[in-house]
C-alpha atoms as a PDB file:
ATOM      1  CA  ILE A   1       0.000   0.000   0.000  1.00  0.00           C
ATOM      2  CA  SER A   2       1.324   3.405  -0.966  1.00  0.00           C
ATOM      3  CA  GLN A   3      -0.258   6.524   0.458  1.00  0.00           C
ATOM      4  CA  THR A   4       0.514  10.129  -0.305  1.00  0.00           C
ATOM      5  CA  GLY A   5      -0.650  13.671  -0.814  1.00  0.00           C
ATOM      6  CA  VAL A   6       0.796  16.603  -2.724  1.00  0.00           C
ATOM      7  CA  THR A   7       1.496  20.125  -1.548  1.00  0.00           C
ATOM      8  CA  ASP A   8       0.131  21.758  -4.725  1.00  0.00           C
ATOM      9  CA  THR A   9      -3.502  20.665  -4.866  1.00  0.00           C
ATOM     10  CA  THR A  10      -4.114  22.840  -7.942  1.00  0.00           C
ATOM     11  CA  ARG A  11      -2.317  20.104  -9.901  1.00  0.00           C
ATOM     12  CA  GLU A  12      -4.575  17.238  -8.745  1.00  0.00           C
ATOM     13  CA  ALA A  13      -5.957  16.613 -12.245  1.00  0.00           C
ATOM     14  CA  GLU A  14      -2.419  16.267 -13.618  1.00  0.00           C
ATOM     15  CA  LEU A  15      -1.489  13.931 -10.781  1.00  0.00           C
ATOM     16  CA  ASP A  16      -4.579  11.820 -11.464  1.00  0.00           C
ATOM     17  CA  GLN A  17      -3.538  11.394 -15.113  1.00  0.00           C
ATOM     18  CA  TRP A  18       0.041  10.535 -14.136  1.00  0.00           C
ATOM     19  CA  TYR A  19      -1.096   8.066 -11.483  1.00  0.00           C
ATOM     20  CA  TYR A  20      -3.421   6.234 -13.869  1.00  0.00           C
ATOM     21  CA  GLU A  21      -0.496   5.541 -16.202  1.00  0.00           C
ATOM     22  CA  HIS A  22       1.770   4.737 -13.250  1.00  0.00           C
ATOM     23  CA  LEU A  23      -0.653   2.057 -12.024  1.00  0.00           C
ATOM     24  CA  ARG A  24      -0.838   0.558 -15.497  1.00  0.00           C
ATOM     25  CA  ILE A  25       2.964   0.334 -15.561  1.00  0.00           C
ATOM     26  CA  MET A  26       3.130  -1.056 -12.026  1.00  0.00           C
ATOM     27  CA  ALA A  27       0.649  -3.785 -12.990  1.00  0.00           C
ATOM     28  CA  SER A  28       3.152  -4.856 -15.661  1.00  0.00           C
ATOM     29  CA  VAL A  29       5.843  -5.620 -13.064  1.00  0.00           C
ATOM     30  CA  PRO A  30       6.438  -9.361 -12.644  1.00  0.00           C
ATOM     31  CA  GLY A  31       4.846 -10.375  -9.357  1.00  0.00           C
ATOM     32  CA  VAL A  32       2.326  -7.498  -9.231  1.00  0.00           C
ATOM     33  CA  SER A  33      -1.117  -8.932  -9.894  1.00  0.00           C
ATOM     34  CA  SER A  34      -3.281  -5.847  -9.262  1.00  0.00           C
ATOM     35  CA  ALA A  35      -3.125  -2.106  -8.665  1.00  0.00           C
ATOM     36  CA  GLN A  36      -5.853   0.398  -7.794  1.00  0.00           C
ATOM     37  CA  ARG A  37      -5.953   3.974  -6.500  1.00  0.00           C
ATOM     38  CA  PHE A  38      -8.356   5.615  -4.070  1.00  0.00           C
ATOM     39  CA  LYS A  39      -8.931   9.115  -2.677  1.00  0.00           C
ATOM     40  CA  THR A  40     -10.444  10.477   0.516  1.00  0.00           C
ATOM     41  CA  GLY A  41     -11.538  13.718   2.073  1.00  0.00           C
ATOM     42  CA  THR A  42     -11.330  12.255   5.586  1.00  0.00           C
ATOM     43  CA  PRO A  43      -9.485  14.897   7.661  1.00  0.00           C
ATOM     44  CA  GLY A  44      -5.978  13.849   8.698  1.00  0.00           C
ATOM     45  CA  SER A  45      -5.876  10.866   6.336  1.00  0.00           C
ATOM     46  CA  PRO A  46      -3.584  10.558   3.318  1.00  0.00           C
ATOM     47  CA  PRO A  47      -5.560  12.006   0.382  1.00  0.00           C
ATOM     48  CA  SER A  48      -4.274   9.349  -2.050  1.00  0.00           C
ATOM     49  CA  PHE A  49      -4.087   5.619  -1.360  1.00  0.00           C
ATOM     50  CA  ALA A  50      -2.870   2.990  -3.828  1.00  0.00           C
ATOM     51  CA  MET A  51      -3.236  -0.715  -3.141  1.00  0.00           C
ATOM     52  CA  TYR A  52      -1.204  -3.364  -4.935  1.00  0.00           C
ATOM     53  CA  SER A  53      -1.228  -7.160  -4.777  1.00  0.00           C
ATOM     54  CA  VAL A  54       2.352  -8.418  -4.811  1.00  0.00           C
ATOM     55  CA  ALA A  55       3.592 -12.012  -4.814  1.00  0.00           C
ATOM     56  CA  SER A  56       6.289 -11.337  -2.200  1.00  0.00           C
ATOM     57  CA  ALA A  57       8.752  -8.755  -0.943  1.00  0.00           C
ATOM     58  CA  ALA A  58      11.147 -10.002  -3.646  1.00  0.00           C
ATOM     59  CA  VAL A  59       9.158  -7.872  -6.126  1.00  0.00           C
ATOM     60  CA  PHE A  60      10.808  -4.809  -4.562  1.00  0.00           C
ATOM     61  CA  ASP A  61      14.233  -6.078  -5.642  1.00  0.00           C
ATOM     62  CA  ASP A  62      13.241  -6.708  -9.271  1.00  0.00           C
ATOM     63  CA  PRO A  63      15.286  -4.491 -11.644  1.00  0.00           C
ATOM     64  CA  TYR A  64      12.201  -3.572 -13.696  1.00  0.00           C
ATOM     65  CA  TYR A  65      10.272  -2.630 -10.541  1.00  0.00           C
ATOM     66  CA  LEU A  66      13.191  -0.486  -9.395  1.00  0.00           C
ATOM     67  CA  SER A  67      13.202   1.298 -12.764  1.00  0.00           C
ATOM     68  CA  VAL A  68       9.477   2.238 -12.655  1.00  0.00           C
ATOM     69  CA  ARG A  69       8.661   2.660  -8.956  1.00  0.00           C
ATOM     70  CA  GLY A  70       8.320   5.952  -7.157  1.00  0.00           C
ATOM     71  CA  MET A  71       6.636   9.275  -7.699  1.00  0.00           C
ATOM     72  CA  GLY A  72       8.808  10.497 -10.583  1.00  0.00           C
ATOM     73  CA  GLU A  73       8.241  14.150 -11.422  1.00  0.00           C
ATOM     74  CA  TRP A  74       5.885  14.473  -8.449  1.00  0.00           C
ATOM     75  CA  LEU A  75       8.574  13.785  -5.844  1.00  0.00           C
ATOM     76  CA  PRO A  76       9.271  17.505  -5.118  1.00  0.00           C
ATOM     77  CA  LEU A  77       5.538  18.050  -4.450  1.00  0.00           C
ATOM     78  CA  ILE A  78       5.056  15.152  -2.019  1.00  0.00           C
ATOM     79  CA  ASP A  79       3.412  16.130   1.264  1.00  0.00           C
ATOM     80  CA  HIS A  80       5.619  14.216   3.694  1.00  0.00           C
ATOM     81  CA  ARG A  81       2.921  14.179   6.357  1.00  0.00           C
ATOM     82  CA  TYR A  82       1.213  11.480   4.298  1.00  0.00           C
ATOM     83  CA  TYR A  83       3.850   9.667   2.247  1.00  0.00           C
ATOM     84  CA  ARG A  84       4.188   6.077   3.469  1.00  0.00           C
ATOM     85  CA  ARG A  85       4.697   2.717   1.818  1.00  0.00           C
ATOM     86  CA  ASN A  86       3.919  -0.463   3.700  1.00  0.00           C
ATOM     87  CA  LEU A  87       3.939  -4.145   2.878  1.00  0.00           C
ATOM     88  CA  PHE A  88       1.188  -6.129   4.578  1.00  0.00           C
ATOM     89  CA  GLU A  89       0.382  -9.800   4.919  1.00  0.00           C
ATOM     90  CA  GLY A  90      -3.048 -11.246   5.488  1.00  0.00           C
ATOM     91  CA  LEU A  91      -4.604 -11.374   2.020  1.00  0.00           C
ATOM     92  CA  GLU A  92      -3.383 -13.067  -1.122  1.00  0.00           C
ATOM     93  CA  TYR A  93      -4.975 -10.354  -3.292  1.00  0.00           C
ATOM     94  CA  ALA A  94      -6.231  -6.848  -2.606  1.00  0.00           C
ATOM     95  CA  PRO A  95     -10.032  -6.695  -2.489  1.00  0.00           C
ATOM     96  CA  VAL A  96     -11.978  -5.544  -5.520  1.00  0.00           C
ATOM     97  CA  ALA A  97     -13.557  -2.104  -5.086  1.00  0.00           C
ATOM     98  CA  GLU A  98     -15.949  -1.099  -7.852  1.00  0.00           C
ATOM     99  CA  ASP A  99     -17.169   2.461  -8.549  1.00  0.00           C
ATOM    100  CA  LYS A 100     -20.004   2.409  -6.012  1.00  0.00           C
ATOM    101  CA  ALA A 101     -17.876   0.842  -3.281  1.00  0.00           C
ATOM    102  CA  ARG A 102     -15.949   2.518  -0.502  1.00  0.00           C
ATOM    103  CA  LEU A 103     -12.724   1.259   1.012  1.00  0.00           C
ATOM    104  CA  LEU A 104     -12.606   1.708   4.773  1.00  0.00           C
ATOM    105  CA  VAL A 105      -9.131   1.950   6.308  1.00  0.00           C
ATOM    106  CA  ALA A 106      -8.192   1.862   9.998  1.00  0.00           C
ATOM    107  CA  ASP A 107      -4.674   1.757  11.443  1.00  0.00           C
ATOM    108  CA  ARG A 108      -4.303   0.089  14.823  1.00  0.00           C
ATOM    109  CA  THR A 109      -1.671  -1.274  17.204  1.00  0.00           C
ATOM    110  CA  GLN A 110      -3.586  -4.579  17.394  1.00  0.00           C
ATOM    111  CA  PRO A 111      -6.288  -6.183  15.240  1.00  0.00           C
ATOM    112  CA  GLU A 112      -9.830  -5.388  16.349  1.00  0.00           C
ATOM    113  CA  GLY A 113     -13.182  -6.890  15.587  1.00  0.00           C
ATOM    114  CA  ALA A 114     -15.928  -5.034  13.793  1.00  0.00           C
ATOM    115  CA  ILE A 115     -15.943  -1.243  13.629  1.00  0.00           C
ATOM    116  CA  GLY A 116     -19.315   0.445  13.210  1.00  0.00           C
ATOM    117  CA  GLY A 117     -20.858  -2.968  12.584  1.00  0.00           C
ATOM    118  CA  ILE A 118     -18.465  -3.655   9.681  1.00  0.00           C
ATOM    119  CA  GLU A 119     -16.088  -6.618   9.788  1.00  0.00           C
ATOM    120  CA  PHE A 120     -12.581  -5.538   8.806  1.00  0.00           C
ATOM    121  CA  ILE A 121      -9.796  -7.695   7.412  1.00  0.00           C
ATOM    122  CA  TRP A 122      -6.737  -7.061   9.591  1.00  0.00           C
ATOM    123  CA  LEU A 123      -3.439  -6.940   7.749  1.00  0.00           C
ATOM    124  CA  LYS A 124      -0.130  -7.170   9.576  1.00  0.00           C
ATOM    125  CA  CYS A 125       2.637  -4.821   8.455  1.00  0.00           C
ATOM    126  CA  VAL A 126       5.725  -6.833   7.496  1.00  0.00           C
ATOM    127  CA  GLY A 127       7.911  -4.435   5.558  1.00  0.00           C
ATOM    128  CA  VAL A 128       9.014  -1.170   3.940  1.00  0.00           C
ATOM    129  CA  ASP A 129       8.151   1.887   6.128  1.00  0.00           C
ATOM    130  CA  ARG A 130       6.234  -0.027   8.820  1.00  0.00           C
ATOM    131  CA  SER A 131       4.225   3.072   9.746  1.00  0.00           C
ATOM    132  CA  THR A 132       1.458   1.061  11.421  1.00  0.00           C
ATOM    133  CA  PRO A 133       1.521  -2.379  13.016  1.00  0.00           C
ATOM    134  CA  TYR A 134      -1.918  -3.340  11.667  1.00  0.00           C
ATOM    135  CA  ARG A 135      -4.230  -1.955   9.018  1.00  0.00           C
ATOM    136  CA  GLY A 136      -7.867  -2.936   8.868  1.00  0.00           C
ATOM    137  CA  ILE A 137      -9.616  -2.730   5.511  1.00  0.00           C
ATOM    138  CA  ALA A 138     -13.181  -3.337   4.433  1.00  0.00           C
ATOM    139  CA  VAL A 139     -15.030  -2.752   1.175  1.00  0.00           C
ATOM    140  CA  VAL A 140     -18.647  -1.653   1.524  1.00  0.00           C
ATOM    141  CA  ASP A 141     -21.356  -0.371  -0.787  1.00  0.00           C
ATOM    142  CA  ALA A 142     -21.363   3.438  -0.662  1.00  0.00           C
ATOM    143  CA  SER A 143     -25.129   3.480  -0.113  1.00  0.00           C
ATOM    144  CA  GLN A 144     -24.720   1.336   3.026  1.00  0.00           C
ATOM    145  CA  LEU A 145     -21.906   3.288   4.648  1.00  0.00           C
ATOM    146  CA  PRO A 146     -22.377   3.345   8.430  1.00  0.00           C
ATOM    147  CA  SER A 147     -21.444   6.195  10.755  1.00  0.00           C
ATOM    148  CA  LEU A 148     -17.788   5.765  11.632  1.00  0.00           C
ATOM    149  CA  ASP A 149     -15.476   7.491  14.056  1.00  0.00           C
ATOM    150  CA  ALA A 150     -12.677   9.771  12.860  1.00  0.00           C
ATOM    151  CA  THR A 151     -10.094   6.955  13.097  1.00  0.00           C
ATOM    152  CA  VAL A 152     -11.564   5.249  10.026  1.00  0.00           C
ATOM    153  CA  ALA A 153     -10.832   6.801   6.633  1.00  0.00           C
ATOM    154  CA  VAL A 154     -13.346   6.367   3.821  1.00  0.00           C
ATOM    155  CA  TYR A 155     -11.780   6.080   0.362  1.00  0.00           C
ATOM    156  CA  ARG A 156     -13.502   6.055  -3.021  1.00  0.00           C
ATOM    157  CA  PRO A 157     -11.963   4.301  -6.012  1.00  0.00           C
ATOM    158  CA  VAL A 158     -10.623   6.731  -8.626  1.00  0.00           C
ATOM    159  CA  THR A 159      -9.193   4.145 -11.019  1.00  0.00           C
ATOM    160  CA  PRO A 160     -10.390   0.743 -12.061  1.00  0.00           C
ATOM    161  CA  ARG A 161      -8.526  -2.234 -10.682  1.00  0.00           C
ATOM    162  CA  MET A 162      -5.597  -2.803 -13.023  1.00  0.00           C
ATOM    163  CA  VAL A 163      -4.838  -6.489 -13.416  1.00  0.00           C
ATOM    164  CA  GLY A 164      -1.227  -7.532 -13.790  1.00  0.00           C
ATOM    165  CA  THR A 165      -0.085  -9.082 -17.039  1.00  0.00           C
ATOM    166  CA  ALA A 166       2.938 -10.864 -15.604  1.00  0.00           C
ATOM    167  CA  ARG A 167       2.584 -13.227 -12.674  1.00  0.00           C
END
């Protein structure tokens, strides 16, 4: 999972175009089987959230991955309050989130049960920045979104799920 924000929000449309192409390229990396981007307006949460399904941490050592990873031209505009990359275990593949779905995200020190009546899948952080020990995720229909406390971010998909071509 890669999360970020930019300091120049007037360039959001440009970033959205860049990120769409970036996800397409990332899905072509051997060992990356899916990539999708989300956005939120939840105060204090990273505005941009990209979720990838990777075969293993070895993907991060692949020469092709190393040549295409990162924020490229956007690096000078990264808002460092939000920029984090984490590798999680707990799911073989990232969940599918269609247009009318919302991705709920909660960071915790320990896995919890349901939040707001929603069962979360609890992922354990196992690599890269390790900015949270556990991340709970759940995909719900936007029309059935419950009231949630401020510790749960609500993300909407802004790209389709890109499916990897190389496994």
